[in-house]
Amino acid sequence: MATKKSAGTTKNGRDSNPRYLGVKLYAGEQAKIGSIIIRQEGLNTLSGRNTALGRDYTIYATKAGVVRNSTKRKTGFNNRTRVKNVVNVE
């Protein structure tokens, strides 16, 4: 016979790893070629000059320079204009 009572099983004994989203390089900081500037879920921030967009919407630098932020007016399919943030490397 067992000297301790069995605890049984649990249904919530697992957890997923964090995704580490957010801004990695802020405005005014130096960016090297290929350095990640923003990791985001969806297209919240657009990529501008000297930046590119990855498959998972990661914005990274294609040339070395200083990170700058700006805004852009975008017209949607329903004819409404929205202001979107744009990241540039100059």
PDB file of N, CA and C in Angstrom:
ATOM      1  N   MET A   1       0.830  -1.190   0.000  1.00  0.00           N
ATOM      2  CA  MET A   1       0.000   0.000   0.000  1.00  0.00           C
ATOM      3  C   MET A   1       0.871   1.249   0.000  1.00  0.00           C
ATOM      4  N   ALA A   2       0.324   2.315  -0.575  1.00  0.00           N
ATOM      5  CA  ALA A   2       1.060   3.579  -0.636  1.00  0.00           C
ATOM      6  C   ALA A   2       0.981   4.302   0.699  1.00  0.00           C
ATOM      7  N   THR A   3       2.082   4.975   1.033  1.00  0.00           N
ATOM      8  CA  THR A   3       2.084   5.733   2.279  1.00  0.00           C
ATOM      9  C   THR A   3       1.580   7.162   2.074  1.00  0.00           C
ATOM     10  N   LYS A   4       1.551   7.632   0.831  1.00  0.00           N
ATOM     11  CA  LYS A   4       1.013   8.967   0.528  1.00  0.00           C
ATOM     12  C   LYS A   4      -0.168   8.801  -0.419  1.00  0.00           C
ATOM     13  N   LYS A   5      -1.126   9.682  -0.285  1.00  0.00           N
ATOM     14  CA  LYS A   5      -2.287   9.637  -1.175  1.00  0.00           C
ATOM     15  C   LYS A   5      -1.917  10.277  -2.512  1.00  0.00           C
ATOM     16  N   SER A   6      -2.341   9.677  -3.584  1.00  0.00           N
ATOM     17  CA  SER A   6      -2.035  10.198  -4.909  1.00  0.00           C
ATOM     18  C   SER A   6      -2.804  11.488  -5.153  1.00  0.00           C
ATOM     19  N   ALA A   7      -2.143  12.441  -5.839  1.00  0.00           N
ATOM     20  CA  ALA A   7      -2.768  13.738  -6.103  1.00  0.00           C
ATOM     21  C   ALA A   7      -3.637  13.701  -7.347  1.00  0.00           C
ATOM     22  N   GLY A   8      -3.432  12.752  -8.221  1.00  0.00           N
ATOM     23  CA  GLY A   8      -4.226  12.693  -9.435  1.00  0.00           C
ATOM     24  C   GLY A   8      -3.618  13.536 -10.546  1.00  0.00           C
ATOM     25  N   THR A   9      -4.384  13.792 -11.581  1.00  0.00           N
ATOM     26  CA  THR A   9      -3.888  14.555 -12.721  1.00  0.00           C
ATOM     27  C   THR A   9      -4.445  15.964 -12.672  1.00  0.00           C
ATOM     28  N   THR A  10      -3.824  16.831 -13.463  1.00  0.00           N
ATOM     29  CA  THR A  10      -4.283  18.214 -13.574  1.00  0.00           C
ATOM     30  C   THR A  10      -4.530  18.526 -15.041  1.00  0.00           C
ATOM     31  N   LYS A  11      -5.477  19.417 -15.300  1.00  0.00           N
ATOM     32  CA  LYS A  11      -5.809  19.769 -16.683  1.00  0.00           C
ATOM     33  C   LYS A  11      -5.133  21.056 -17.141  1.00  0.00           C
ATOM     34  N   ASN A  12      -4.628  21.869 -16.197  1.00  0.00           N
ATOM     35  CA  ASN A  12      -4.040  23.144 -16.594  1.00  0.00           C
ATOM     36  C   ASN A  12      -2.569  23.229 -16.192  1.00  0.00           C
ATOM     37  N   GLY A  13      -1.823  22.159 -16.369  1.00  0.00           N
ATOM     38  CA  GLY A  13      -0.433  22.133 -15.959  1.00  0.00           C
ATOM     39  C   GLY A  13       0.539  22.485 -17.066  1.00  0.00           C
ATOM     40  N   ARG A  14       0.165  23.320 -18.016  1.00  0.00           N
ATOM     41  CA  ARG A  14       1.061  23.678 -19.112  1.00  0.00           C
ATOM     42  C   ARG A  14       0.884  25.170 -19.432  1.00  0.00           C
ATOM     43  N   ASP A  15       1.878  25.732 -20.081  1.00  0.00           N
ATOM     44  CA  ASP A  15       1.856  27.150 -20.423  1.00  0.00           C
ATOM     45  C   ASP A  15       2.701  27.339 -21.673  1.00  0.00           C
ATOM     46  N   SER A  16       2.333  28.304 -22.509  1.00  0.00           N
ATOM     47  CA  SER A  16       3.087  28.573 -23.729  1.00  0.00           C
ATOM     48  C   SER A  16       4.154  29.628 -23.448  1.00  0.00           C
ATOM     49  N   ASN A  17       5.174  29.630 -24.285  1.00  0.00           N
ATOM     50  CA  ASN A  17       6.262  30.583 -24.124  1.00  0.00           C
ATOM     51  C   ASN A  17       5.802  31.982 -24.523  1.00  0.00           C
ATOM     52  N   PRO A  18       6.372  33.051 -23.922  1.00  0.00           N
ATOM     53  CA  PRO A  18       5.998  34.412 -24.299  1.00  0.00           C
ATOM     54  C   PRO A  18       6.492  34.742 -25.698  1.00  0.00           C
ATOM     55  N   ARG A  19       5.856  35.726 -26.347  1.00  0.00           N
ATOM     56  CA  ARG A  19       6.195  36.063 -27.725  1.00  0.00           C
ATOM     57  C   ARG A  19       7.162  37.233 -27.833  1.00  0.00           C
ATOM     58  N   TYR A  20       7.413  37.959 -26.756  1.00  0.00           N
ATOM     59  CA  TYR A  20       8.375  39.065 -26.723  1.00  0.00           C
ATOM     60  C   TYR A  20       8.084  40.103 -27.802  1.00  0.00           C
ATOM     61  N   LEU A  21       6.830  40.558 -27.877  1.00  0.00           N
ATOM     62  CA  LEU A  21       6.445  41.563 -28.854  1.00  0.00           C
ATOM     63  C   LEU A  21       6.785  42.953 -28.331  1.00  0.00           C
ATOM     64  N   GLY A  22       6.782  43.941 -29.242  1.00  0.00           N
ATOM     65  CA  GLY A  22       6.970  45.324 -28.833  1.00  0.00           C
ATOM     66  C   GLY A  22       8.075  46.008 -29.606  1.00  0.00           C
ATOM     67  N   VAL A  23       8.366  47.236 -29.184  1.00  0.00           N
ATOM     68  CA  VAL A  23       9.390  48.053 -29.837  1.00  0.00           C
ATOM     69  C   VAL A  23      10.752  47.655 -29.298  1.00  0.00           C
ATOM     70  N   LYS A  24      11.676  47.341 -30.194  1.00  0.00           N
ATOM     71  CA  LYS A  24      13.022  46.952 -29.804  1.00  0.00           C
ATOM     72  C   LYS A  24      14.009  48.107 -29.954  1.00  0.00           C
ATOM     73  N   LEU A  25      13.829  48.954 -30.959  1.00  0.00           N
ATOM     74  CA  LEU A  25      14.655  50.146 -31.147  1.00  0.00           C
ATOM     75  C   LEU A  25      13.735  51.360 -31.229  1.00  0.00           C
ATOM     76  N   TYR A  26      13.962  52.326 -30.362  1.00  0.00           N
ATOM     77  CA  TYR A  26      13.127  53.520 -30.318  1.00  0.00           C
ATOM     78  C   TYR A  26      13.690  54.603 -31.241  1.00  0.00           C
ATOM     79  N   ALA A  27      12.938  55.693 -31.411  1.00  0.00           N
ATOM     80  CA  ALA A  27      13.355  56.788 -32.278  1.00  0.00           C
ATOM     81  C   ALA A  27      14.635  57.413 -31.744  1.00  0.00           C
ATOM     82  N   GLY A  28      15.582  57.668 -32.647  1.00  0.00           N
ATOM     83  CA  GLY A  28      16.854  58.263 -32.269  1.00  0.00           C
ATOM     84  C   GLY A  28      17.950  57.245 -32.015  1.00  0.00           C
ATOM     85  N   GLU A  29      17.623  55.954 -31.954  1.00  0.00           N
ATOM     86  CA  GLU A  29      18.632  54.930 -31.707  1.00  0.00           C
ATOM     87  C   GLU A  29      19.227  54.446 -33.023  1.00  0.00           C
ATOM     88  N   GLN A  30      20.458  53.948 -32.959  1.00  0.00           N
ATOM     89  CA  GLN A  30      21.153  53.456 -34.141  1.00  0.00           C
ATOM     90  C   GLN A  30      20.658  52.059 -34.503  1.00  0.00           C
ATOM     91  N   ALA A  31      20.442  51.837 -35.788  1.00  0.00           N
ATOM     92  CA  ALA A  31      20.012  50.531 -36.282  1.00  0.00           C
ATOM     93  C   ALA A  31      21.060  49.996 -37.241  1.00  0.00           C
ATOM     94  N   LYS A  32      21.443  48.737 -37.055  1.00  0.00           N
ATOM     95  CA  LYS A  32      22.355  48.075 -37.983  1.00  0.00           C
ATOM     96  C   LYS A  32      21.524  47.367 -39.053  1.00  0.00           C
ATOM     97  N   ILE A  33      22.180  46.870 -40.081  1.00  0.00           N
ATOM     98  CA  ILE A  33      21.475  46.149 -41.137  1.00  0.00           C
ATOM     99  C   ILE A  33      20.910  44.857 -40.554  1.00  0.00           C
ATOM    100  N   GLY A  34      19.606  44.641 -40.721  1.00  0.00           N
ATOM    101  CA  GLY A  34      18.965  43.423 -40.254  1.00  0.00           C
ATOM    102  C   GLY A  34      18.504  43.470 -38.814  1.00  0.00           C
ATOM    103  N   SER A  35      18.737  44.570 -38.118  1.00  0.00           N
ATOM    104  CA  SER A  35      18.313  44.631 -36.716  1.00  0.00           C
ATOM    105  C   SER A  35      16.804  44.835 -36.640  1.00  0.00           C
ATOM    106  N   ILE A  36      16.179  44.158 -35.697  1.00  0.00           N
ATOM    107  CA  ILE A  36      14.731  44.217 -35.536  1.00  0.00           C
ATOM    108  C   ILE A  36      14.366  45.521 -34.851  1.00  0.00           C
ATOM    109  N   ILE A  37      13.401  46.236 -35.417  1.00  0.00           N
ATOM    110  CA  ILE A  37      12.958  47.506 -34.842  1.00  0.00           C
ATOM    111  C   ILE A  37      11.678  47.296 -34.044  1.00  0.00           C
ATOM    112  N   ILE A  38      10.684  46.613 -34.626  1.00  0.00           N
ATOM    113  CA  ILE A  38       9.409  46.360 -33.943  1.00  0.00           C
ATOM    114  C   ILE A  38       8.982  44.925 -34.230  1.00  0.00           C
ATOM    115  N   ARG A  39       8.578  44.214 -33.183  1.00  0.00           N
ATOM    116  CA  ARG A  39       7.893  42.924 -33.340  1.00  0.00           C
ATOM    117  C   ARG A  39       6.458  43.150 -32.953  1.00  0.00           C
ATOM    118  N   GLN A  40       5.535  42.894 -33.880  1.00  0.00           N
ATOM    119  CA  GLN A  40       4.134  43.213 -33.655  1.00  0.00           C
ATOM    120  C   GLN A  40       3.241  42.085 -34.151  1.00  0.00           C
ATOM    121  N   GLU A  41       2.010  42.114 -33.672  1.00  0.00           N
ATOM    122  CA  GLU A  41       1.002  41.149 -34.106  1.00  0.00           C
ATOM    123  C   GLU A  41       0.004  41.914 -34.961  1.00  0.00           C
ATOM    124  N   GLY A  42      -0.007  41.657 -36.258  1.00  0.00           N
ATOM    125  CA  GLY A  42      -0.824  42.449 -37.162  1.00  0.00           C
ATOM    126  C   GLY A  42      -0.042  43.658 -37.633  1.00  0.00           C
ATOM    127  N   LEU A  43      -0.631  44.438 -38.511  1.00  0.00           N
ATOM    128  CA  LEU A  43       0.064  45.572 -39.123  1.00  0.00           C
ATOM    129  C   LEU A  43      -0.331  46.856 -38.410  1.00  0.00           C
ATOM    130  N   ASN A  44       0.085  47.009 -37.149  1.00  0.00           N
ATOM    131  CA  ASN A  44      -0.205  48.231 -36.402  1.00  0.00           C
ATOM    132  C   ASN A  44       0.669  49.377 -36.868  1.00  0.00           C
ATOM    133  N   THR A  45       1.937  49.096 -37.111  1.00  0.00           N
ATOM    134  CA  THR A  45       2.895  50.091 -37.570  1.00  0.00           C
ATOM    135  C   THR A  45       3.390  49.688 -38.946  1.00  0.00           C
ATOM    136  N   LEU A  46       3.465  50.658 -39.864  1.00  0.00           N
ATOM    137  CA  LEU A  46       3.894  50.386 -41.231  1.00  0.00           C
ATOM    138  C   LEU A  46       5.403  50.536 -41.343  1.00  0.00           C
ATOM    139  N   SER A  47       5.998  49.840 -42.297  1.00  0.00           N
ATOM    140  CA  SER A  47       7.429  49.988 -42.554  1.00  0.00           C
ATOM    141  C   SER A  47       7.625  51.075 -43.599  1.00  0.00           C
ATOM    142  N   GLY A  48       8.606  51.925 -43.362  1.00  0.00           N
ATOM    143  CA  GLY A  48       8.874  53.059 -44.248  1.00  0.00           C
ATOM    144  C   GLY A  48      10.171  52.887 -45.001  1.00  0.00           C
ATOM    145  N   ARG A  49      10.930  54.002 -45.131  1.00  0.00           N
ATOM    146  CA  ARG A  49      12.184  53.985 -45.870  1.00  0.00           C
ATOM    147  C   ARG A  49      13.229  53.139 -45.161  1.00  0.00           C
ATOM    148  N   ASN A  50      13.966  52.354 -45.940  1.00  0.00           N
ATOM    149  CA  ASN A  50      15.085  51.520 -45.476  1.00  0.00           C
ATOM    150  C   ASN A  50      14.663  50.494 -44.419  1.00  0.00           C
ATOM    151  N   THR A  51      13.391  50.103 -44.432  1.00  0.00           N
ATOM    152  CA  THR A  51      12.905  49.042 -43.560  1.00  0.00           C
ATOM    153  C   THR A  51      12.114  48.051 -44.391  1.00  0.00           C
ATOM    154  N   ALA A  52      11.946  46.855 -43.854  1.00  0.00           N
ATOM    155  CA  ALA A  52      11.174  45.824 -44.553  1.00  0.00           C
ATOM    156  C   ALA A  52      10.280  45.124 -43.540  1.00  0.00           C
ATOM    157  N   LEU A  53       9.274  44.427 -44.067  1.00  0.00           N
ATOM    158  CA  LEU A  53       8.277  43.758 -43.243  1.00  0.00           C
ATOM    159  C   LEU A  53       8.455  42.251 -43.381  1.00  0.00           C
ATOM    160  N   GLY A  54       8.575  41.553 -42.256  1.00  0.00           N
ATOM    161  CA  GLY A  54       8.734  40.106 -42.269  1.00  0.00           C
ATOM    162  C   GLY A  54       7.396  39.401 -42.365  1.00  0.00           C
ATOM    163  N   ARG A  55       7.447  38.063 -42.432  1.00  0.00           N
ATOM    164  CA  ARG A  55       6.220  37.268 -42.533  1.00  0.00           C
ATOM    165  C   ARG A  55       5.333  37.412 -41.312  1.00  0.00           C
ATOM    166  N   ASP A  56       5.938  37.581 -40.139  1.00  0.00           N
ATOM    167  CA  ASP A  56       5.170  37.729 -38.906  1.00  0.00           C
ATOM    168  C   ASP A  56       5.018  39.197 -38.522  1.00  0.00           C
ATOM    169  N   TYR A  57       5.039  40.097 -39.516  1.00  0.00           N
ATOM    170  CA  TYR A  57       4.863  41.550 -39.352  1.00  0.00           C
ATOM    171  C   TYR A  57       5.985  42.195 -38.558  1.00  0.00           C
ATOM    172  N   THR A  58       7.149  41.563 -38.501  1.00  0.00           N
ATOM    173  CA  THR A  58       8.304  42.160 -37.857  1.00  0.00           C
ATOM    174  C   THR A  58       8.920  43.197 -38.787  1.00  0.00           C
ATOM    175  N   ILE A  59       9.187  44.385 -38.269  1.00  0.00           N
ATOM    176  CA  ILE A  59       9.823  45.438 -39.054  1.00  0.00           C
ATOM    177  C   ILE A  59      11.314  45.432 -38.715  1.00  0.00           C
ATOM    178  N   TYR A  60      12.169  45.319 -39.749  1.00  0.00           N
ATOM    179  CA  TYR A  60      13.609  45.289 -39.542  1.00  0.00           C
ATOM    180  C   TYR A  60      14.288  46.236 -40.522  1.00  0.00           C
ATOM    181  N   ALA A  61      15.511  46.614 -40.207  1.00  0.00           N
ATOM    182  CA  ALA A  61      16.257  47.598 -40.988  1.00  0.00           C
ATOM    183  C   ALA A  61      16.955  46.917 -42.166  1.00  0.00           C
ATOM    184  N   THR A  62      16.889  47.551 -43.329  1.00  0.00           N
ATOM    185  CA  THR A  62      17.611  47.057 -44.497  1.00  0.00           C
ATOM    186  C   THR A  62      18.890  47.844 -44.745  1.00  0.00           C
ATOM    187  N   LYS A  63      19.045  49.007 -44.088  1.00  0.00           N
ATOM    188  CA  LYS A  63      20.273  49.793 -44.151  1.00  0.00           C
ATOM    189  C   LYS A  63      20.581  50.312 -42.755  1.00  0.00           C
ATOM    190  N   ALA A  64      21.827  50.621 -42.510  1.00  0.00           N
ATOM    191  CA  ALA A  64      22.220  51.152 -41.205  1.00  0.00           C
ATOM    192  C   ALA A  64      21.859  52.630 -41.126  1.00  0.00           C
ATOM    193  N   GLY A  65      21.444  53.068 -39.948  1.00  0.00           N
ATOM    194  CA  GLY A  65      21.092  54.469 -39.764  1.00  0.00           C
ATOM    195  C   GLY A  65      20.386  54.689 -38.441  1.00  0.00           C
ATOM    196  N   VAL A  66      19.683  55.829 -38.361  1.00  0.00           N
ATOM    197  CA  VAL A  66      18.980  56.228 -37.147  1.00  0.00           C
ATOM    198  C   VAL A  66      17.485  55.991 -37.347  1.00  0.00           C
ATOM    199  N   VAL A  67      16.838  55.434 -36.346  1.00  0.00           N
ATOM    200  CA  VAL A  67      15.406  55.136 -36.415  1.00  0.00           C
ATOM    201  C   VAL A  67      14.616  56.424 -36.222  1.00  0.00           C
ATOM    202  N   ARG A  68      13.641  56.661 -37.095  1.00  0.00           N
ATOM    203  CA  ARG A  68      12.764  57.827 -37.010  1.00  0.00           C
ATOM    204  C   ARG A  68      11.326  57.363 -37.149  1.00  0.00           C
ATOM    205  N   ASN A  69      10.421  58.006 -36.427  1.00  0.00           N
ATOM    206  CA  ASN A  69       8.996  57.693 -36.505  1.00  0.00           C
ATOM    207  C   ASN A  69       8.261  58.832 -37.190  1.00  0.00           C
ATOM    208  N   SER A  70       7.216  58.485 -37.929  1.00  0.00           N
ATOM    209  CA  SER A  70       6.366  59.481 -38.567  1.00  0.00           C
ATOM    210  C   SER A  70       4.960  58.908 -38.677  1.00  0.00           C
ATOM    211  N   THR A  71       4.049  59.682 -39.243  1.00  0.00           N
ATOM    212  CA  THR A  71       2.668  59.234 -39.416  1.00  0.00           C
ATOM    213  C   THR A  71       2.283  59.351 -40.882  1.00  0.00           C
ATOM    214  N   LYS A  72       1.237  58.616 -41.251  1.00  0.00           N
ATOM    215  CA  LYS A  72       0.753  58.599 -42.635  1.00  0.00           C
ATOM    216  C   LYS A  72      -0.754  58.438 -42.613  1.00  0.00           C
ATOM    217  N   ARG A  73      -1.429  59.149 -43.501  1.00  0.00           N
ATOM    218  CA  ARG A  73      -2.881  59.035 -43.606  1.00  0.00           C
ATOM    219  C   ARG A  73      -3.207  57.951 -44.619  1.00  0.00           C
ATOM    220  N   LYS A  74      -3.966  56.942 -44.196  1.00  0.00           N
ATOM    221  CA  LYS A  74      -4.330  55.823 -45.066  1.00  0.00           C
ATOM    222  C   LYS A  74      -5.834  55.805 -45.232  1.00  0.00           C
ATOM    223  N   THR A  75      -6.296  55.580 -46.467  1.00  0.00           N
ATOM    224  CA  THR A  75      -7.722  55.467 -46.758  1.00  0.00           C
ATOM    225  C   THR A  75      -8.076  53.999 -46.889  1.00  0.00           C
ATOM    226  N   GLY A  76      -9.064  53.547 -46.125  1.00  0.00           N
ATOM    227  CA  GLY A  76      -9.479  52.162 -46.155  1.00  0.00           C
ATOM    228  C   GLY A  76     -10.467  51.891 -47.276  1.00  0.00           C
ATOM    229  N   PHE A  77     -10.937  50.649 -47.345  1.00  0.00           N
ATOM    230  CA  PHE A  77     -11.889  50.264 -48.381  1.00  0.00           C
ATOM    231  C   PHE A  77     -13.263  50.886 -48.155  1.00  0.00           C
ATOM    232  N   ASN A  78     -13.539  51.289 -46.914  1.00  0.00           N
ATOM    233  CA  ASN A  78     -14.814  51.935 -46.632  1.00  0.00           C
ATOM    234  C   ASN A  78     -14.698  53.454 -46.723  1.00  0.00           C
ATOM    235  N   ASN A  79     -13.617  53.954 -47.333  1.00  0.00           N
ATOM    236  CA  ASN A  79     -13.390  55.378 -47.591  1.00  0.00           C
ATOM    237  C   ASN A  79     -13.136  56.188 -46.325  1.00  0.00           C
ATOM    238  N   ARG A  80     -12.801  55.551 -45.226  1.00  0.00           N
ATOM    239  CA  ARG A  80     -12.445  56.271 -44.010  1.00  0.00           C
ATOM    240  C   ARG A  80     -10.928  56.421 -43.941  1.00  0.00           C
ATOM    241  N   THR A  81     -10.477  57.582 -43.539  1.00  0.00           N
ATOM    242  CA  THR A  81      -9.050  57.804 -43.405  1.00  0.00           C
ATOM    243  C   THR A  81      -8.631  57.574 -41.952  1.00  0.00           C
ATOM    244  N   ARG A  82      -7.479  56.917 -41.804  1.00  0.00           N
ATOM    245  CA  ARG A  82      -6.924  56.651 -40.478  1.00  0.00           C
ATOM    246  C   ARG A  82      -5.466  57.063 -40.483  1.00  0.00           C
ATOM    247  N   VAL A  83      -4.976  57.473 -39.349  1.00  0.00           N
ATOM    248  CA  VAL A  83      -3.578  57.845 -39.212  1.00  0.00           C
ATOM    249  C   VAL A  83      -2.808  56.631 -38.703  1.00  0.00           C
ATOM    250  N   LYS A  84      -1.805  56.200 -39.468  1.00  0.00           N
ATOM    251  CA  LYS A  84      -0.990  55.039 -39.111  1.00  0.00           C
ATOM    252  C   LYS A  84       0.425  55.509 -38.807  1.00  0.00           C
ATOM    253  N   ASN A  85       1.086  54.813 -37.892  1.00  0.00           N
ATOM    254  CA  ASN A  85       2.480  55.094 -37.567  1.00  0.00           C
ATOM    255  C   ASN A  85       3.386  54.428 -38.593  1.00  0.00           C
ATOM    256  N   VAL A  86       4.467  55.115 -38.944  1.00  0.00           N
ATOM    257  CA  VAL A  86       5.425  54.614 -39.925  1.00  0.00           C
ATOM    258  C   VAL A  86       6.819  54.686 -39.290  1.00  0.00           C
ATOM    259  N   VAL A  87       7.636  53.635 -39.492  1.00  0.00           N
ATOM    260  CA  VAL A  87       9.004  53.605 -38.987  1.00  0.00           C
ATOM    261  C   VAL A  87       9.957  53.701 -40.166  1.00  0.00           C
ATOM    262  N   ASN A  88      10.901  54.658 -40.085  1.00  0.00           N
ATOM    263  CA  ASN A  88      11.905  54.863 -41.121  1.00  0.00           C
ATOM    264  C   ASN A  88      13.296  54.729 -40.512  1.00  0.00           C
ATOM    265  N   VAL A  89      14.263  54.378 -41.350  1.00  0.00           N
ATOM    266  CA  VAL A  89      15.673  54.402 -40.954  1.00  0.00           C
ATOM    267  C   VAL A  89      16.365  55.378 -41.882  1.00  0.00           C
ATOM    268  N   GLU A  90      16.987  56.421 -41.309  1.00  0.00           N
ATOM    269  CA  GLU A  90      17.626  57.468 -42.127  1.00  0.00           C
ATOM    270  C   GLU A  90      19.113  57.486 -41.887  1.00  0.00           C
TER     271      GLU A  90
END
